[in-house]
Amino acid sequence: MDQPRAAARLRILLGQLGRCSAGAVIAHPISESVSSAGFHPQQFQYTQDNSVLTLQQRKFYEENGFLVIKKLVSDADIERFRNEFERICRKEVKPMGLMVMRDVTIAKSEYVPSEKMITKVQDFQEDEELFRYCTLPEILKYVECFTGPNIMAMHTMLINKPPDSGKKTSRHPLHQDLHYFPFRPSNNIVCAWTAMEHIDRNNGCLVVLPGTHKGSLKPHDYPQWQKQTSEKLLYPGIPRRYCGFSSRPPQYSEYCNKGAVNIMFHGIQDYDENNTRVHLVMEKGDTVFFHPLLIHGSGRNKTQGFRKAISCHFASANCHYIDVKGTSQENIEKEVVRFANELFKVKQDINLKDVWRFRARLVKGERFNL
């Protein structure tokens, strides 16, 4: 990662934007109430009026909070994304601002540059090849159904879920993506998540809780099964925030690998275990679009292969930033900002909004608040 260039870009953004942003609002403390309102076909809340979605597809998303479009991304594009990921893993390219992550169970002594060591790359907005995913016309055609015509790419990831080591660190706890986002309204945000190969329960497919997008944002933190492990095994004075990042100082590696904690894998602390769960079995090129309040996660990879998917969170350029202080999102702000300060050595105070301004890119239409 070209940290000096990334830090310089962040400083420029901070200088241009100042310490306040137009359209920013204060977040109210988040309640745990869940809407019981039923679906009324004449009142679409979560989709935009256009001719792309069929009435049946639109109703399905409104009711369930997700929609799978089969074979949306071509094999040729997926192969190009796979090749670029492998180049990143071999350190042949180092895009500015890219975050390269590996599972905490991979010991420093085992590390060699290859795709077997890397579990995820995120913030690839400066990688021309991977960022093509966010501009594919076939993706944006559907994204516009949820965001409207002015579209920002906000968060990018390529996930390379590894075979589970036995410590179950390859699973991702049930969560809502909105927990990480300091912008609203949630109904104008959507994730596009594309399978890069066959994905099922054996290699850790997505699991969703249909209809949970109708509720509110719930408190998140490290799940109990991670907390217990980290409290027992992480050595005093070794910051948990470094665990899972390939860029962490080498002296921390041996300690972090003693605990099954992947950084920022927050989960919902309280949810209805009786909710219906749907496991999304997907083929190469299939793409699921889902609402940021939809409760979802993924199971562990029980195979010997690596499960790959590429994704981007999109938002309407008309969305606005919020202040998360005093809300259930304050914990993730502190964690993100602390790591950003340490990684990029920024000499001034930043907040969660600044980090997201750094990531955001216009991909269609005009840029407004974001």
Protein backbone atom coordinates (compact mmCIF):
# COMPACT_ATOMS: atom_id res chain seq x y z
CA MET A 1 0.00 0.00 0.00
CA ASP A 2 1.33 3.47 -0.84
CA GLN A 3 0.64 4.92 2.60
CA PRO A 4 2.25 8.36 2.06
CA ARG A 5 0.11 9.00 -1.03
CA ALA A 6 -3.02 7.78 0.73
CA ALA A 7 -2.31 9.95 3.75
CA ALA A 8 -1.68 12.95 1.51
CA ARG A 9 -5.02 12.43 -0.23
CA LEU A 10 -6.79 12.24 3.12
CA ARG A 11 -5.13 15.47 4.28
CA ILE A 12 -6.17 17.24 1.07
CA LEU A 13 -9.75 16.07 1.52
CA LEU A 14 -9.79 17.28 5.10
CA GLY A 15 -8.41 20.64 4.06
CA GLN A 16 -11.00 21.09 1.32
CA LEU A 17 -13.94 19.92 3.36
CA GLY A 18 -13.14 21.70 6.60
CA ARG A 19 -14.54 20.42 9.85
CA CYS A 20 -18.22 20.57 8.93
CA SER A 21 -20.11 19.24 5.95
CA ALA A 22 -23.16 20.61 4.22
CA GLY A 23 -26.21 18.56 4.88
CA ALA A 24 -24.75 16.76 7.90
CA VAL A 25 -27.26 15.93 10.60
CA ILE A 26 -27.05 14.61 14.12
CA ALA A 27 -28.03 10.98 14.62
CA HIS A 28 -30.63 10.20 17.22
CA PRO A 29 -29.89 7.36 19.63
CA ILE A 30 -30.92 4.12 17.97
CA SER A 31 -33.85 2.16 19.33
CA GLU A 32 -34.33 -1.57 19.01
CA SER A 33 -37.94 -1.39 17.89
CA VAL A 34 -38.86 -3.43 14.83
CA SER A 35 -41.42 -2.26 12.34
CA SER A 36 -44.42 -4.56 11.98
CA ALA A 37 -45.81 -2.70 8.97
CA GLY A 38 -46.88 -5.05 6.21
CA PHE A 39 -46.05 -4.67 2.54
CA HIS A 40 -48.47 -2.55 0.52
CA PRO A 41 -47.83 -2.84 -3.24
CA GLN A 42 -48.94 0.75 -3.83
CA GLN A 43 -46.36 2.09 -1.37
CA PHE A 44 -42.86 1.11 -2.42
CA GLN A 45 -40.37 2.15 0.28
CA TYR A 46 -37.17 0.45 -0.75
CA THR A 47 -37.12 0.60 -4.56
CA GLN A 48 -37.18 3.37 -7.15
CA ASP A 49 -39.66 3.78 -9.99
CA ASN A 50 -38.08 2.56 -13.23
CA SER A 51 -38.57 -0.19 -15.76
CA VAL A 52 -35.65 -2.46 -14.80
CA LEU A 53 -37.19 -4.59 -12.07
CA THR A 54 -40.30 -6.61 -12.77
CA LEU A 55 -43.21 -6.03 -10.41
CA GLN A 56 -42.53 -9.46 -8.90
CA GLN A 57 -38.84 -8.63 -8.30
CA ARG A 58 -39.74 -5.30 -6.79
CA LYS A 59 -42.27 -6.82 -4.42
CA PHE A 60 -39.76 -9.49 -3.42
CA TYR A 61 -37.11 -6.92 -2.46
CA GLU A 62 -39.64 -4.77 -0.65
CA GLU A 63 -40.75 -7.72 1.45
CA ASN A 64 -37.42 -9.52 1.95
CA GLY A 65 -34.67 -6.92 1.62
CA PHE A 66 -32.60 -8.79 -0.97
CA LEU A 67 -32.78 -9.89 -4.59
CA VAL A 68 -30.56 -12.33 -6.53
CA ILE A 69 -29.97 -11.70 -10.24
CA LYS A 70 -28.60 -14.79 -11.95
CA LYS A 71 -25.50 -14.69 -14.20
CA LEU A 72 -25.29 -10.91 -14.12
CA VAL A 73 -21.49 -10.61 -14.36
CA SER A 74 -19.65 -12.36 -17.18
CA ASP A 75 -17.06 -15.11 -16.73
CA ALA A 76 -14.55 -12.93 -18.59
CA ASP A 77 -14.92 -10.06 -16.11
CA ILE A 78 -14.70 -12.39 -13.13
CA GLU A 79 -11.51 -13.89 -14.52
CA ARG A 80 -10.01 -10.41 -14.85
CA PHE A 81 -10.91 -9.61 -11.24
CA ARG A 82 -9.40 -12.90 -10.11
CA ASN A 83 -6.17 -12.22 -12.00
CA GLU A 84 -5.85 -8.73 -10.49
CA PHE A 85 -6.45 -10.11 -7.00
CA GLU A 86 -3.65 -12.62 -7.55
CA ARG A 87 -1.32 -9.81 -8.70
CA ILE A 88 -2.11 -7.91 -5.50
CA CYS A 89 -1.41 -11.02 -3.42
CA ARG A 90 1.97 -11.41 -5.13
CA LYS A 91 2.66 -7.71 -4.43
CA GLU A 92 3.05 -6.98 -8.12
CA VAL A 93 0.69 -4.01 -7.72
CA LYS A 94 0.12 -1.83 -4.65
CA PRO A 95 -2.87 0.47 -5.21
CA MET A 96 -3.07 3.56 -3.01
CA GLY A 97 -5.25 3.13 0.06
CA LEU A 98 -5.80 -0.61 -0.44
CA MET A 99 -6.31 -2.60 2.77
CA VAL A 100 -4.94 -6.14 2.58
CA MET A 101 -6.12 -8.53 5.28
CA ARG A 102 -5.33 -12.05 6.36
CA ASP A 103 -6.92 -14.41 8.87
CA VAL A 104 -5.59 -14.09 12.40
CA THR A 105 -4.77 -17.82 12.50
CA ILE A 106 -2.08 -17.43 9.80
CA ALA A 107 1.19 -17.21 11.68
CA LYS A 108 3.85 -14.73 10.59
CA SER A 109 6.27 -17.60 10.00
CA GLU A 110 3.85 -19.11 7.45
CA TYR A 111 3.35 -15.92 5.47
CA VAL A 112 4.43 -15.86 1.81
CA PRO A 113 2.90 -13.56 -0.82
CA SER A 114 0.11 -15.63 -2.37
CA GLU A 115 -3.67 -15.77 -2.48
CA LYS A 116 -3.59 -18.49 0.18
CA MET A 117 -2.44 -15.93 2.73
CA ILE A 118 -4.91 -13.12 1.91
CA THR A 119 -8.52 -13.33 3.07
CA LYS A 120 -9.75 -9.95 1.86
CA VAL A 121 -8.77 -6.78 0.08
CA GLN A 122 -10.91 -3.72 0.62
CA ASP A 123 -10.94 -0.08 -0.43
CA PHE A 124 -9.79 -0.88 -3.97
CA GLN A 125 -11.13 2.40 -5.36
CA GLU A 126 -7.64 3.26 -6.69
CA ASP A 127 -7.18 -0.09 -8.44
CA GLU A 128 -8.40 0.53 -11.98
CA GLU A 129 -9.01 -3.14 -12.77
CA LEU A 130 -10.93 -4.13 -9.64
CA PHE A 131 -12.84 -0.85 -9.55
CA ARG A 132 -14.26 -1.68 -12.99
CA TYR A 133 -16.68 -3.89 -11.06
CA CYS A 134 -18.27 -0.77 -9.57
CA THR A 135 -18.80 0.76 -13.00
CA LEU A 136 -20.12 -2.26 -14.91
CA PRO A 137 -23.29 -1.13 -16.73
CA GLU A 138 -25.05 -4.36 -15.80
CA ILE A 139 -24.37 -3.71 -12.11
CA LEU A 140 -25.30 -0.02 -12.18
CA LYS A 141 -28.51 -0.77 -14.04
CA TYR A 142 -29.79 -2.61 -10.99
CA VAL A 143 -28.12 -0.36 -8.41
CA GLU A 144 -30.13 2.56 -9.80
CA CYS A 145 -33.31 0.71 -8.83
CA PHE A 146 -32.37 1.30 -5.19
CA THR A 147 -30.32 4.51 -5.17
CA GLY A 148 -31.69 6.56 -8.05
CA PRO A 149 -29.58 7.96 -10.93
CA ASN A 150 -26.80 9.69 -8.96
CA ILE A 151 -24.63 6.89 -7.62
CA MET A 152 -21.61 6.81 -5.31
CA ALA A 153 -19.42 3.74 -4.80
CA MET A 154 -18.76 3.85 -1.05
CA HIS A 155 -17.09 0.63 0.04
CA THR A 156 -15.32 -2.03 -2.02
CA MET A 157 -14.21 -5.55 -1.10
CA LEU A 158 -12.94 -8.75 -2.67
CA ILE A 159 -13.39 -11.57 -0.17
CA ASN A 160 -11.25 -14.71 -0.36
CA LYS A 161 -12.77 -16.83 2.41
CA PRO A 162 -10.10 -19.37 3.38
CA PRO A 163 -10.54 -23.00 4.44
CA ASP A 164 -11.36 -22.84 8.13
CA SER A 165 -8.40 -23.64 10.35
CA GLY A 166 -10.59 -25.29 12.97
CA LYS A 167 -10.95 -22.11 15.03
CA LYS A 168 -14.03 -21.04 13.03
CA THR A 169 -12.48 -17.68 12.17
CA SER A 170 -13.67 -17.93 8.55
CA ARG A 171 -17.28 -17.33 9.59
CA HIS A 172 -18.73 -13.83 9.77
CA PRO A 173 -21.24 -13.17 12.56
CA LEU A 174 -24.73 -11.94 11.79
CA HIS A 175 -24.63 -8.18 11.30
CA GLN A 176 -26.15 -5.18 9.52
CA ASP A 177 -23.87 -3.26 7.18
CA LEU A 178 -25.39 0.07 8.23
CA HIS A 179 -23.49 -0.30 11.50
CA TYR A 180 -20.35 0.77 9.61
CA PHE A 181 -21.90 3.65 7.62
CA PRO A 182 -22.19 7.28 8.81
CA PHE A 183 -24.60 8.24 6.04
CA ARG A 184 -28.34 8.07 5.50
CA PRO A 185 -31.07 7.43 4.48
CA SER A 186 -30.59 3.68 4.61
CA ASN A 187 -33.22 3.06 1.93
CA ASN A 188 -30.94 4.73 -0.65
CA ILE A 189 -28.00 2.41 0.08
CA VAL A 190 -27.51 -1.05 -1.45
CA CYS A 191 -24.81 -3.70 -1.62
CA ALA A 192 -24.00 -5.59 -4.82
CA TRP A 193 -22.29 -8.90 -3.97
CA THR A 194 -21.17 -11.16 -6.83
CA ALA A 195 -20.12 -14.79 -6.53
CA MET A 196 -16.83 -15.48 -8.32
CA GLU A 197 -17.45 -19.24 -8.24
CA HIS A 198 -20.06 -21.72 -7.02
CA ILE A 199 -20.96 -20.84 -3.42
CA ASP A 200 -23.00 -22.99 -1.04
CA ARG A 201 -23.14 -23.90 2.64
CA ASN A 202 -19.99 -26.01 2.38
CA ASN A 203 -17.74 -23.10 1.47
CA GLY A 204 -19.50 -20.43 3.51
CA CYS A 205 -22.33 -18.87 1.52
CA LEU A 206 -24.21 -15.81 2.68
CA VAL A 207 -27.08 -16.38 5.08
CA VAL A 208 -29.81 -13.74 5.29
CA LEU A 209 -32.76 -13.13 7.59
CA PRO A 210 -35.55 -12.05 5.20
CA GLY A 211 -37.57 -9.02 6.19
CA THR A 212 -35.17 -7.76 8.84
CA HIS A 213 -34.43 -4.67 6.73
CA LYS A 214 -37.78 -3.33 7.98
CA GLY A 215 -36.41 -3.03 11.51
CA SER A 216 -33.93 -0.60 13.01
CA LEU A 217 -30.17 -0.66 13.42
CA LYS A 218 -29.23 -2.88 16.35
CA PRO A 219 -26.22 -2.58 18.68
CA HIS A 220 -23.13 -4.40 17.38
CA ASP A 221 -19.88 -5.53 18.98
CA TYR A 222 -17.50 -8.45 18.82
CA PRO A 223 -19.62 -11.58 19.25
CA GLN A 224 -19.40 -13.53 22.48
CA TRP A 225 -17.57 -16.45 20.86
CA GLN A 226 -14.83 -14.02 19.77
CA LYS A 227 -14.78 -12.02 23.01
CA GLN A 228 -14.21 -15.11 25.10
CA THR A 229 -11.30 -16.24 22.95
CA SER A 230 -9.65 -12.84 22.78
CA GLU A 231 -9.99 -12.17 26.51
CA LYS A 232 -8.28 -15.44 27.31
CA LEU A 233 -5.55 -15.42 24.69
CA LEU A 234 -4.61 -11.89 23.68
CA TYR A 235 -1.63 -10.74 25.66
CA PRO A 236 -1.91 -7.57 27.79
CA GLY A 237 -0.77 -4.49 25.92
CA ILE A 238 -1.17 -6.00 22.45
CA PRO A 239 -3.81 -3.95 20.59
CA ARG A 240 -6.54 -6.18 19.18
CA ARG A 241 -7.04 -3.58 16.44
CA TYR A 242 -3.97 -4.93 14.61
CA CYS A 243 -5.29 -8.48 14.35
CA GLY A 244 -6.18 -9.46 10.81
CA PHE A 245 -4.28 -6.73 8.93
CA SER A 246 -1.23 -7.60 6.86
CA SER A 247 0.05 -4.08 7.49
CA ARG A 248 0.17 -4.43 11.28
CA PRO A 249 3.57 -4.08 12.94
CA PRO A 250 5.38 -7.46 12.81
CA GLN A 251 5.99 -7.57 16.55
CA TYR A 252 2.25 -8.00 17.11
CA SER A 253 1.78 -10.99 14.80
CA GLU A 254 2.67 -13.78 17.20
CA TYR A 255 0.33 -12.42 19.85
CA CYS A 256 -2.61 -11.73 17.57
CA ASN A 257 -2.43 -15.20 16.07
CA LYS A 258 -3.07 -16.70 19.49
CA GLY A 259 -6.62 -15.39 19.48
CA ALA A 260 -9.42 -16.13 16.99
CA VAL A 261 -10.35 -12.48 16.42
CA ASN A 262 -10.74 -10.93 12.97
CA ILE A 263 -10.77 -7.18 13.34
CA MET A 264 -14.05 -5.29 12.90
CA PHE A 265 -16.06 -8.51 12.48
CA HIS A 266 -18.77 -7.02 14.69
CA GLY A 267 -22.03 -8.86 15.17
CA ILE A 268 -25.51 -8.13 16.47
CA GLN A 269 -25.67 -8.61 20.21
CA ASP A 270 -29.39 -9.30 20.41
CA TYR A 271 -31.63 -10.68 17.68
CA ASP A 272 -34.58 -13.02 17.38
CA GLU A 273 -33.13 -16.50 16.93
CA ASN A 274 -36.51 -17.65 15.61
CA ASN A 275 -36.13 -15.53 12.46
CA THR A 276 -36.22 -17.53 9.24
CA ARG A 277 -32.77 -17.96 7.72
CA VAL A 278 -32.10 -18.36 4.01
CA HIS A 279 -28.76 -19.65 2.72
CA LEU A 280 -27.96 -18.12 -0.65
CA VAL A 281 -26.58 -20.81 -2.95
CA MET A 282 -25.09 -18.92 -5.89
CA GLU A 283 -23.31 -19.71 -9.13
CA LYS A 284 -20.42 -17.83 -10.71
CA GLY A 285 -21.65 -14.42 -11.85
CA ASP A 286 -24.81 -14.43 -9.74
CA THR A 287 -25.25 -11.15 -7.89
CA VAL A 288 -27.30 -10.42 -4.79
CA PHE A 289 -28.45 -6.88 -4.03
CA PHE A 290 -29.38 -6.26 -0.41
CA HIS A 291 -30.45 -3.51 1.96
CA PRO A 292 -27.94 -2.26 4.60
CA LEU A 293 -30.32 -3.11 7.46
CA LEU A 294 -30.77 -6.72 6.31
CA ILE A 295 -29.31 -9.03 8.95
CA HIS A 296 -26.85 -11.36 7.26
CA GLY A 297 -23.58 -13.23 7.79
CA SER A 298 -21.70 -16.22 6.43
CA GLY A 299 -20.68 -19.61 7.72
CA ARG A 300 -17.23 -21.12 7.87
CA ASN A 301 -15.56 -22.58 4.82
CA LYS A 302 -15.47 -26.34 5.38
CA THR A 303 -13.77 -27.10 2.05
CA GLN A 304 -10.10 -27.00 1.09
CA GLY A 305 -10.69 -24.31 -1.54
CA PHE A 306 -10.99 -20.54 -1.28
CA ARG A 307 -14.43 -18.95 -1.70
CA LYS A 308 -14.23 -15.69 -3.63
CA ALA A 309 -16.76 -12.88 -4.03
CA ILE A 310 -16.48 -9.24 -5.06
CA SER A 311 -18.74 -6.51 -3.73
CA CYS A 312 -19.45 -2.81 -3.51
CA HIS A 313 -21.78 -0.76 -1.35
CA PHE A 314 -23.45 1.97 -3.35
CA ALA A 315 -25.36 5.00 -2.10
CA SER A 316 -27.33 7.80 -3.63
CA ALA A 317 -25.19 10.91 -4.04
CA ASN A 318 -28.09 12.69 -2.33
CA CYS A 319 -27.48 10.82 0.93
CA HIS A 320 -26.05 12.87 3.79
CA TYR A 321 -23.46 12.24 6.48
CA ILE A 322 -24.47 11.97 10.12
CA ASP A 323 -22.69 12.29 13.46
CA VAL A 324 -22.64 8.86 15.12
CA LYS A 325 -21.57 10.07 18.55
CA GLY A 326 -24.09 9.05 21.17
CA THR A 327 -25.41 6.19 19.03
CA SER A 328 -24.69 2.48 18.86
CA GLN A 329 -22.19 3.21 16.04
CA GLU A 330 -19.81 5.11 18.27
CA ASN A 331 -17.78 1.96 18.99
CA ILE A 332 -17.01 1.30 15.32
CA GLU A 333 -16.09 4.96 14.77
CA LYS A 334 -13.49 4.80 17.52
CA GLU A 335 -12.01 1.59 16.10
CA VAL A 336 -11.90 2.79 12.48
CA VAL A 337 -10.50 6.22 13.32
CA ARG A 338 -7.85 4.80 15.64
CA PHE A 339 -6.60 2.46 12.95
CA ALA A 340 -6.72 5.14 10.21
CA ASN A 341 -4.67 7.49 12.38
CA GLU A 342 -2.05 4.85 13.06
CA LEU A 343 -1.89 3.58 9.48
CA PHE A 344 -1.77 6.91 7.63
CA LYS A 345 -0.09 9.02 10.36
CA VAL A 346 -2.56 11.88 9.89
CA LYS A 347 -1.53 14.82 12.07
CA GLN A 348 -5.05 16.10 12.75
CA ASP A 349 -8.27 14.82 14.23
CA ILE A 350 -10.45 12.82 11.87
CA ASN A 351 -13.82 11.16 12.30
CA LEU A 352 -15.79 8.40 10.63
CA LYS A 353 -17.24 10.80 8.06
CA ASP A 354 -13.73 11.78 6.94
CA VAL A 355 -12.77 8.14 6.39
CA TRP A 356 -15.83 7.58 4.21
CA ARG A 357 -15.25 10.75 2.21
CA PHE A 358 -11.80 9.37 1.45
CA ARG A 359 -13.33 6.15 0.09
CA ALA A 360 -16.27 7.57 -1.85
CA ARG A 361 -16.22 7.75 -5.66
CA LEU A 362 -18.86 8.97 -8.10
CA VAL A 363 -19.74 6.25 -10.63
CA LYS A 364 -22.86 7.68 -12.28
CA GLY A 365 -24.69 11.02 -12.47
CA GLU A 366 -23.75 14.00 -10.31
CA ARG A 367 -22.12 14.23 -6.90
CA PHE A 368 -24.00 16.11 -4.19
CA ASN A 369 -23.65 15.51 -0.44
CA LEU A 370 -21.39 12.48 -0.39
